Amino acid sequence: MLLITRKRGERIIIDLDPGADPDLRAADLFAWGPLEIRVVTTSRGHARLAVTAPRPLAVRRAPAGIASDTPRDPP
């Protein structure tokens, strides 16, 4: 589980873990369990989130300076 605080406009990224099989099907991915994002607390424009993801997924903070509306390159 990752416990993270985000300000308005900041993001988290959930992506396939670099060590996972890139041909993994969604059904196989979620056989490990669901992706869960829980709001733990909110205060003054901040939300504290608890993120739990299946083992093949990587959950990380978006790099500083990347705007929340910046599109991701397609795979």
Protein backbone atom coordinates (compact mmCIF):
# COMPACT_ATOMS: atom_id res chain seq x y z
CA MET A 1 0.00 0.00 0.00
CA LEU A 2 1.17 3.50 -0.82
CA LEU A 3 -0.02 6.34 1.42
CA ILE A 4 0.20 9.63 -0.41
CA THR A 5 -0.96 13.24 -0.03
CA ARG A 6 -1.87 15.13 -3.18
CA LYS A 7 -2.74 18.78 -3.68
CA ARG A 8 -5.39 19.88 -6.16
CA GLY A 9 -4.12 19.18 -9.69
CA GLU A 10 -1.36 16.74 -8.62
CA ARG A 11 -1.55 13.16 -9.87
CA ILE A 12 -0.61 9.61 -9.16
CA ILE A 13 0.34 7.18 -11.92
CA ILE A 14 -0.72 3.55 -12.00
CA ASP A 15 1.07 1.58 -14.67
CA LEU A 16 2.36 -1.90 -15.41
CA ASP A 17 5.37 -2.68 -13.21
CA PRO A 18 8.59 -2.73 -15.30
CA GLY A 19 9.23 -6.33 -14.18
CA ALA A 20 5.77 -7.57 -15.17
CA ASP A 21 4.97 -9.44 -18.38
CA PRO A 22 3.95 -6.76 -20.95
CA ASP A 23 1.54 -9.25 -22.56
CA LEU A 24 -0.40 -9.69 -19.31
CA ARG A 25 -4.15 -9.72 -19.94
CA ALA A 26 -6.46 -7.60 -17.78
CA ALA A 27 -8.18 -10.73 -16.47
CA ASP A 28 -4.80 -12.09 -15.33
CA LEU A 29 -3.78 -8.75 -13.85
CA PHE A 30 -6.87 -8.47 -11.68
CA ALA A 31 -6.72 -12.11 -10.65
CA TRP A 32 -4.29 -10.74 -8.01
CA GLY A 33 -7.11 -8.58 -6.64
CA PRO A 34 -8.74 -5.20 -7.25
CA LEU A 35 -7.15 -1.78 -7.52
CA GLU A 36 -8.28 0.22 -4.50
CA ILE A 37 -7.94 3.97 -3.96
CA ARG A 38 -9.29 5.16 -0.62
CA VAL A 39 -9.56 8.76 0.57
CA VAL A 40 -8.13 8.71 4.08
CA THR A 41 -8.47 12.41 4.97
CA THR A 42 -9.11 15.76 3.30
CA SER A 43 -7.98 19.15 4.55
CA ARG A 44 -7.44 22.59 3.00
CA GLY A 45 -7.21 21.45 -0.62
CA HIS A 46 -5.22 18.29 0.13
CA ALA A 47 -6.41 14.70 -0.02
CA ARG A 48 -4.58 11.84 1.64
CA LEU A 49 -5.03 8.67 -0.38
CA ALA A 50 -4.28 5.03 0.34
CA VAL A 51 -3.57 3.08 -2.85
CA THR A 52 -3.50 -0.71 -2.98
CA ALA A 53 -2.87 -2.38 -6.34
CA PRO A 54 -2.26 -5.89 -7.68
CA ARG A 55 1.39 -6.93 -7.65
CA PRO A 56 1.97 -6.42 -11.43
CA LEU A 57 1.02 -2.73 -11.14
CA ALA A 58 3.34 0.06 -10.08
CA VAL A 59 1.85 3.02 -8.19
CA ARG A 60 3.93 6.19 -8.01
CA ARG A 61 3.71 9.93 -7.68
CA ALA A 62 3.74 11.87 -10.93
CA PRO A 63 7.02 13.77 -11.39
CA ALA A 64 6.98 17.34 -10.11
CA GLY A 65 6.15 19.94 -12.73
CA ILE A 66 3.90 17.76 -14.88
CA ALA A 67 0.54 19.45 -15.18
CA SER A 68 -2.56 17.40 -14.43
CA ASP A 69 -3.93 18.02 -17.92
CA THR A 70 -0.77 16.85 -19.74
CA PRO A 71 -1.79 13.94 -22.00
CA ARG A 72 0.18 10.70 -21.83
CA ASP A 73 1.74 9.32 -24.96
CA PRO A 74 -0.22 6.33 -26.29
CA PRO A 75 1.47 2.93 -25.92
